[in-house]
Amino acid sequence: MSAPTVEGALTAPNAVAFARRDAITPIEHGRWLADHIPGARLRELPGADHLWWLPEPSAIADLITDFTEEHSR
């Protein structure tokens, strides 16, 4: 079985966010996604929570706001 591919499948700007110490989905998965989606940027978040948006929702809101503002021009 070959590894899945995302090259060419996504054309819109993408932000990939992962908690650095997520025990369920390792950060390497986020790095792989960011490396294989053209133009994607990885944001490594502190912590180990798999639900990375829960510990500090305002920080995630800022990440999303910055990303959308940058790409809405």
PDB file of N, CA and C in Angstrom:
ATOM      1  N   MET A   1       0.847  -1.170   0.000  1.00  0.00           N
ATOM      2  CA  MET A   1       0.000   0.000   0.000  1.00  0.00           C
ATOM      3  C   MET A   1       0.895   1.236   0.000  1.00  0.00           C
ATOM      4  N   SER A   2       0.605   2.169  -0.865  1.00  0.00           N
ATOM      5  CA  SER A   2       1.422   3.385  -0.941  1.00  0.00           C
ATOM      6  C   SER A   2       0.926   4.439   0.040  1.00  0.00           C
ATOM      7  N   ALA A   3       1.831   5.359   0.359  1.00  0.00           N
ATOM      8  CA  ALA A   3       1.478   6.449   1.277  1.00  0.00           C
ATOM      9  C   ALA A   3       0.484   7.382   0.601  1.00  0.00           C
ATOM     10  N   PRO A   4      -0.450   7.950   1.356  1.00  0.00           N
ATOM     11  CA  PRO A   4      -1.408   8.884   0.762  1.00  0.00           C
ATOM     12  C   PRO A   4      -0.686  10.130   0.257  1.00  0.00           C
ATOM     13  N   THR A   5      -1.274  10.776  -0.710  1.00  0.00           N
ATOM     14  CA  THR A   5      -0.681  11.991  -1.244  1.00  0.00           C
ATOM     15  C   THR A   5      -1.708  13.112  -1.239  1.00  0.00           C
ATOM     16  N   VAL A   6      -1.251  14.314  -0.995  1.00  0.00           N
ATOM     17  CA  VAL A   6      -2.135  15.476  -1.033  1.00  0.00           C
ATOM     18  C   VAL A   6      -1.658  16.488  -2.056  1.00  0.00           C
ATOM     19  N   GLU A   7      -0.488  16.239  -2.678  1.00  0.00           N
ATOM     20  CA  GLU A   7       0.022  17.167  -3.674  1.00  0.00           C
ATOM     21  C   GLU A   7      -1.012  17.384  -4.758  1.00  0.00           C
ATOM     22  N   GLY A   8      -1.290  18.644  -5.051  1.00  0.00           N
ATOM     23  CA  GLY A   8      -2.229  18.994  -6.105  1.00  0.00           C
ATOM     24  C   GLY A   8      -3.682  18.930  -5.694  1.00  0.00           C
ATOM     25  N   ALA A   9      -3.993  18.292  -4.574  1.00  0.00           N
ATOM     26  CA  ALA A   9      -5.381  18.154  -4.146  1.00  0.00           C
ATOM     27  C   ALA A   9      -5.904  19.429  -3.485  1.00  0.00           C
ATOM     28  N   LEU A  10      -5.014  20.185  -2.866  1.00  0.00           N
ATOM     29  CA  LEU A  10      -5.400  21.409  -2.169  1.00  0.00           C
ATOM     30  C   LEU A  10      -4.704  22.591  -2.825  1.00  0.00           C
ATOM     31  N   THR A  11      -5.495  23.598  -3.155  1.00  0.00           N
ATOM     32  CA  THR A  11      -4.905  24.756  -3.809  1.00  0.00           C
ATOM     33  C   THR A  11      -5.097  26.041  -3.021  1.00  0.00           C
ATOM     34  N   ALA A  12      -5.967  26.052  -2.062  1.00  0.00           N
ATOM     35  CA  ALA A  12      -6.183  27.234  -1.221  1.00  0.00           C
ATOM     36  C   ALA A  12      -5.098  27.289  -0.156  1.00  0.00           C
ATOM     37  N   PRO A  13      -4.812  28.476   0.374  1.00  0.00           N
ATOM     38  CA  PRO A  13      -3.833  28.572   1.467  1.00  0.00           C
ATOM     39  C   PRO A  13      -4.255  27.682   2.638  1.00  0.00           C
ATOM     40  N   ASN A  14      -3.271  27.087   3.283  1.00  0.00           N
ATOM     41  CA  ASN A  14      -3.550  26.178   4.396  1.00  0.00           C
ATOM     42  C   ASN A  14      -2.651  26.471   5.582  1.00  0.00           C
ATOM     43  N   ALA A  15      -3.242  26.401   6.748  1.00  0.00           N
ATOM     44  CA  ALA A  15      -2.493  26.468   7.995  1.00  0.00           C
ATOM     45  C   ALA A  15      -2.662  25.104   8.664  1.00  0.00           C
ATOM     46  N   VAL A  16      -1.577  24.546   9.112  1.00  0.00           N
ATOM     47  CA  VAL A  16      -1.602  23.261   9.807  1.00  0.00           C
ATOM     48  C   VAL A  16      -1.190  23.548  11.246  1.00  0.00           C
ATOM     49  N   ALA A  17      -2.041  23.207  12.200  1.00  0.00           N
ATOM     50  CA  ALA A  17      -1.750  23.453  13.608  1.00  0.00           C
ATOM     51  C   ALA A  17      -1.722  22.127  14.362  1.00  0.00           C
ATOM     52  N   PHE A  18      -0.679  21.926  15.132  1.00  0.00           N
ATOM     53  CA  PHE A  18      -0.512  20.706  15.922  1.00  0.00           C
ATOM     54  C   PHE A  18       0.129  21.057  17.250  1.00  0.00           C
ATOM     55  N   ALA A  19      -0.274  20.359  18.297  1.00  0.00           N
ATOM     56  CA  ALA A  19       0.402  20.475  19.586  1.00  0.00           C
ATOM     57  C   ALA A  19       1.706  19.678  19.514  1.00  0.00           C
ATOM     58  N   ARG A  20       2.770  20.266  19.985  1.00  0.00           N
ATOM     59  CA  ARG A  20       4.101  19.639  19.882  1.00  0.00           C
ATOM     60  C   ARG A  20       4.182  18.263  20.538  1.00  0.00           C
ATOM     61  N   ARG A  21       3.495  18.092  21.665  1.00  0.00           N
ATOM     62  CA  ARG A  21       3.624  16.843  22.419  1.00  0.00           C
ATOM     63  C   ARG A  21       2.332  16.023  22.417  1.00  0.00           C
ATOM     64  N   ASP A  22       1.508  16.199  21.387  1.00  0.00           N
ATOM     65  CA  ASP A  22       0.253  15.448  21.274  1.00  0.00           C
ATOM     66  C   ASP A  22       0.554  13.953  21.334  1.00  0.00           C
ATOM     67  N   ALA A  23      -0.028  13.268  22.303  1.00  0.00           N
ATOM     68  CA  ALA A  23       0.239  11.842  22.491  1.00  0.00           C
ATOM     69  C   ALA A  23      -0.588  10.971  21.557  1.00  0.00           C
ATOM     70  N   ILE A  24      -1.608  11.526  20.942  1.00  0.00           N
ATOM     71  CA  ILE A  24      -2.466  10.745  20.049  1.00  0.00           C
ATOM     72  C   ILE A  24      -1.985  10.850  18.602  1.00  0.00           C
ATOM     73  N   THR A  25      -1.723  12.066  18.156  1.00  0.00           N
ATOM     74  CA  THR A  25      -1.242  12.294  16.792  1.00  0.00           C
ATOM     75  C   THR A  25       0.087  13.031  16.877  1.00  0.00           C
ATOM     76  N   PRO A  26       1.185  12.352  16.606  1.00  0.00           N
ATOM     77  CA  PRO A  26       2.508  12.972  16.748  1.00  0.00           C
ATOM     78  C   PRO A  26       2.695  14.183  15.835  1.00  0.00           C
ATOM     79  N   ILE A  27       3.505  15.128  16.284  1.00  0.00           N
ATOM     80  CA  ILE A  27       3.798  16.341  15.537  1.00  0.00           C
ATOM     81  C   ILE A  27       4.346  16.017  14.147  1.00  0.00           C
ATOM     82  N   GLU A  28       4.990  14.883  13.994  1.00  0.00           N
ATOM     83  CA  GLU A  28       5.514  14.485  12.686  1.00  0.00           C
ATOM     84  C   GLU A  28       4.403  14.406  11.633  1.00  0.00           C
ATOM     85  N   HIS A  29       3.193  14.090  12.053  1.00  0.00           N
ATOM     86  CA  HIS A  29       2.071  14.053  11.114  1.00  0.00           C
ATOM     87  C   HIS A  29       1.772  15.463  10.596  1.00  0.00           C
ATOM     88  N   GLY A  30       1.800  16.434  11.478  1.00  0.00           N
ATOM     89  CA  GLY A  30       1.592  17.809  11.058  1.00  0.00           C
ATOM     90  C   GLY A  30       2.707  18.301  10.161  1.00  0.00           C
ATOM     91  N   ARG A  31       3.930  17.920  10.491  1.00  0.00           N
ATOM     92  CA  ARG A  31       5.071  18.307   9.650  1.00  0.00           C
ATOM     93  C   ARG A  31       4.946  17.700   8.260  1.00  0.00           C
ATOM     94  N   TRP A  32       4.523  16.449   8.206  1.00  0.00           N
ATOM     95  CA  TRP A  32       4.339  15.797   6.919  1.00  0.00           C
ATOM     96  C   TRP A  32       3.283  16.537   6.098  1.00  0.00           C
ATOM     97  N   LEU A  33       2.145  16.842   6.722  1.00  0.00           N
ATOM     98  CA  LEU A  33       1.095  17.571   6.009  1.00  0.00           C
ATOM     99  C   LEU A  33       1.606  18.900   5.471  1.00  0.00           C
ATOM    100  N   ALA A  34       2.258  19.669   6.320  1.00  0.00           N
ATOM    101  CA  ALA A  34       2.763  20.976   5.898  1.00  0.00           C
ATOM    102  C   ALA A  34       3.783  20.843   4.775  1.00  0.00           C
ATOM    103  N   ASP A  35       4.569  19.784   4.803  1.00  0.00           N
ATOM    104  CA  ASP A  35       5.569  19.562   3.753  1.00  0.00           C
ATOM    105  C   ASP A  35       4.938  19.141   2.430  1.00  0.00           C
ATOM    106  N   HIS A  36       3.754  18.550   2.479  1.00  0.00           N
ATOM    107  CA  HIS A  36       3.140  17.993   1.278  1.00  0.00           C
ATOM    108  C   HIS A  36       1.960  18.803   0.747  1.00  0.00           C
ATOM    109  N   ILE A  37       1.600  19.871   1.409  1.00  0.00           N
ATOM    110  CA  ILE A  37       0.572  20.779   0.898  1.00  0.00           C
ATOM    111  C   ILE A  37       1.294  22.026   0.415  1.00  0.00           C
ATOM    112  N   PRO A  38       1.261  22.289  -0.882  1.00  0.00           N
ATOM    113  CA  PRO A  38       1.981  23.455  -1.399  1.00  0.00           C
ATOM    114  C   PRO A  38       1.580  24.742  -0.677  1.00  0.00           C
ATOM    115  N   GLY A  39       2.575  25.452  -0.178  1.00  0.00           N
ATOM    116  CA  GLY A  39       2.337  26.736   0.483  1.00  0.00           C
ATOM    117  C   GLY A  39       1.809  26.659   1.903  1.00  0.00           C
ATOM    118  N   ALA A  40       1.609  25.461   2.433  1.00  0.00           N
ATOM    119  CA  ALA A  40       1.086  25.334   3.797  1.00  0.00           C
ATOM    120  C   ALA A  40       2.141  25.734   4.807  1.00  0.00           C
ATOM    121  N   ARG A  41       1.660  26.246   5.930  1.00  0.00           N
ATOM    122  CA  ARG A  41       2.560  26.592   7.033  1.00  0.00           C
ATOM    123  C   ARG A  41       2.136  25.843   8.278  1.00  0.00           C
ATOM    124  N   LEU A  42       3.104  25.303   8.952  1.00  0.00           N
ATOM    125  CA  LEU A  42       2.849  24.582  10.198  1.00  0.00           C
ATOM    126  C   LEU A  42       3.014  25.525  11.365  1.00  0.00           C
ATOM    127  N   ARG A  43       2.060  25.497  12.263  1.00  0.00           N
ATOM    128  CA  ARG A  43       2.155  26.225  13.522  1.00  0.00           C
ATOM    129  C   ARG A  43       2.205  25.178  14.618  1.00  0.00           C
ATOM    130  N   GLU A  44       3.391  25.014  15.218  1.00  0.00           N
ATOM    131  CA  GLU A  44       3.550  24.070  16.324  1.00  0.00           C
ATOM    132  C   GLU A  44       3.140  24.781  17.604  1.00  0.00           C
ATOM    133  N   LEU A  45       2.143  24.236  18.251  1.00  0.00           N
ATOM    134  CA  LEU A  45       1.601  24.843  19.457  1.00  0.00           C
ATOM    135  C   LEU A  45       2.176  24.180  20.694  1.00  0.00           C
ATOM    136  N   PRO A  46       2.355  24.937  21.761  1.00  0.00           N
ATOM    137  CA  PRO A  46       2.857  24.334  22.999  1.00  0.00           C
ATOM    138  C   PRO A  46       1.810  23.388  23.579  1.00  0.00           C
ATOM    139  N   GLY A  47       2.270  22.461  24.361  1.00  0.00           N
ATOM    140  CA  GLY A  47       1.346  21.589  25.064  1.00  0.00           C
ATOM    141  C   GLY A  47       1.250  20.207  24.466  1.00  0.00           C
ATOM    142  N   ALA A  48       0.417  19.378  25.122  1.00  0.00           N
ATOM    143  CA  ALA A  48       0.263  17.988  24.741  1.00  0.00           C
ATOM    144  C   ALA A  48      -1.200  17.629  24.499  1.00  0.00           C
ATOM    145  N   ASP A  49      -2.074  18.608  24.556  1.00  0.00           N
ATOM    146  CA  ASP A  49      -3.500  18.349  24.419  1.00  0.00           C
ATOM    147  C   ASP A  49      -3.848  18.030  22.975  1.00  0.00           C
ATOM    148  N   HIS A  50      -4.512  16.901  22.747  1.00  0.00           N
ATOM    149  CA  HIS A  50      -4.932  16.539  21.397  1.00  0.00           C
ATOM    150  C   HIS A  50      -5.969  17.547  20.889  1.00  0.00           C
ATOM    151  N   LEU A  51      -6.779  18.053  21.756  1.00  0.00           N
ATOM    152  CA  LEU A  51      -7.743  19.105  21.399  1.00  0.00           C
ATOM    153  C   LEU A  51      -7.046  20.443  21.608  1.00  0.00           C
ATOM    154  N   TRP A  52      -6.095  20.739  20.707  1.00  0.00           N
ATOM    155  CA  TRP A  52      -5.150  21.841  20.853  1.00  0.00           C
ATOM    156  C   TRP A  52      -5.796  23.203  20.972  1.00  0.00           C
ATOM    157  N   TRP A  53      -7.023  23.350  20.570  1.00  0.00           N
ATOM    158  CA  TRP A  53      -7.689  24.652  20.629  1.00  0.00           C
ATOM    159  C   TRP A  53      -8.328  24.929  21.986  1.00  0.00           C
ATOM    160  N   LEU A  54      -8.418  23.939  22.843  1.00  0.00           N
ATOM    161  CA  LEU A  54      -9.101  24.128  24.124  1.00  0.00           C
ATOM    162  C   LEU A  54      -8.285  24.847  25.202  1.00  0.00           C
ATOM    163  N   PRO A  55      -6.996  24.548  25.360  1.00  0.00           N
ATOM    164  CA  PRO A  55      -6.279  25.188  26.467  1.00  0.00           C
ATOM    165  C   PRO A  55      -6.238  26.715  26.379  1.00  0.00           C
ATOM    166  N   GLU A  56      -6.031  27.257  25.183  1.00  0.00           N
ATOM    167  CA  GLU A  56      -5.964  28.709  25.022  1.00  0.00           C
ATOM    168  C   GLU A  56      -6.703  29.120  23.750  1.00  0.00           C
ATOM    169  N   PRO A  57      -8.029  29.157  23.802  1.00  0.00           N
ATOM    170  CA  PRO A  57      -8.790  29.466  22.594  1.00  0.00           C
ATOM    171  C   PRO A  57      -8.470  30.839  22.001  1.00  0.00           C
ATOM    172  N   SER A  58      -8.084  31.804  22.819  1.00  0.00           N
ATOM    173  CA  SER A  58      -7.775  33.130  22.269  1.00  0.00           C
ATOM    174  C   SER A  58      -6.509  33.088  21.408  1.00  0.00           C
ATOM    175  N   ALA A  59      -5.541  32.263  21.779  1.00  0.00           N
ATOM    176  CA  ALA A  59      -4.327  32.126  20.969  1.00  0.00           C
ATOM    177  C   ALA A  59      -4.658  31.506  19.617  1.00  0.00           C
ATOM    178  N   ILE A  60      -5.568  30.552  19.601  1.00  0.00           N
ATOM    179  CA  ILE A  60      -5.981  29.914  18.355  1.00  0.00           C
ATOM    180  C   ILE A  60      -6.784  30.899  17.519  1.00  0.00           C
ATOM    181  N   ALA A  61      -7.635  31.675  18.165  1.00  0.00           N
ATOM    182  CA  ALA A  61      -8.387  32.697  17.431  1.00  0.00           C
ATOM    183  C   ALA A  61      -7.432  33.686  16.772  1.00  0.00           C
ATOM    184  N   ASP A  62      -6.375  34.063  17.468  1.00  0.00           N
ATOM    185  CA  ASP A  62      -5.376  34.966  16.888  1.00  0.00           C
ATOM    186  C   ASP A  62      -4.688  34.320  15.687  1.00  0.00           C
ATOM    187  N   LEU A  63      -4.340  33.049  15.802  1.00  0.00           N
ATOM    188  CA  LEU A  63      -3.712  32.326  14.698  1.00  0.00           C
ATOM    189  C   LEU A  63      -4.624  32.349  13.474  1.00  0.00           C
ATOM    190  N   ILE A  64      -5.896  32.049  13.667  1.00  0.00           N
ATOM    191  CA  ILE A  64      -6.857  32.010  12.562  1.00  0.00           C
ATOM    192  C   ILE A  64      -7.078  33.409  11.988  1.00  0.00           C
ATOM    193  N   THR A  65      -7.195  34.394  12.853  1.00  0.00           N
ATOM    194  CA  THR A  65      -7.386  35.769  12.394  1.00  0.00           C
ATOM    195  C   THR A  65      -6.195  36.237  11.568  1.00  0.00           C
ATOM    196  N   ASP A  66      -4.998  36.006  12.068  1.00  0.00           N
ATOM    197  CA  ASP A  66      -3.795  36.405  11.326  1.00  0.00           C
ATOM    198  C   ASP A  66      -3.737  35.717   9.966  1.00  0.00           C
ATOM    199  N   PHE A  67      -4.030  34.437   9.943  1.00  0.00           N
ATOM    200  CA  PHE A  67      -3.982  33.671   8.703  1.00  0.00           C
ATOM    201  C   PHE A  67      -5.004  34.188   7.697  1.00  0.00           C
ATOM    202  N   THR A  68      -6.234  34.402   8.142  1.00  0.00           N
ATOM    203  CA  THR A  68      -7.263  34.859   7.215  1.00  0.00           C
ATOM    204  C   THR A  68      -7.010  36.284   6.744  1.00  0.00           C
ATOM    205  N   GLU A  69      -6.510  37.139   7.615  1.00  0.00           N
ATOM    206  CA  GLU A  69      -6.182  38.501   7.198  1.00  0.00           C
ATOM    207  C   GLU A  69      -5.078  38.494   6.162  1.00  0.00           C
ATOM    208  N   GLU A  70      -4.082  37.679   6.370  1.00  0.00           N
ATOM    209  CA  GLU A  70      -2.958  37.599   5.432  1.00  0.00           C
ATOM    210  C   GLU A  70      -3.418  37.140   4.047  1.00  0.00           C
ATOM    211  N   HIS A  71      -4.363  36.211   4.010  1.00  0.00           N
ATOM    212  CA  HIS A  71      -4.780  35.623   2.738  1.00  0.00           C
ATOM    213  C   HIS A  71      -6.034  36.248   2.154  1.00  0.00           C
ATOM    214  N   SER A  72      -6.585  37.249   2.799  1.00  0.00           N
ATOM    215  CA  SER A  72      -7.770  37.904   2.250  1.00  0.00           C
ATOM    216  C   SER A  72      -7.422  39.093   1.365  1.00  0.00           C
ATOM    217  N   ARG A  73      -6.161  39.423   1.275  1.00  0.00           N
ATOM    218  CA  ARG A  73      -5.744  40.558   0.458  1.00  0.00           C
ATOM    219  C   ARG A  73      -5.836  40.253  -1.021  1.00  0.00           C
TER     220      ARG A  73
END
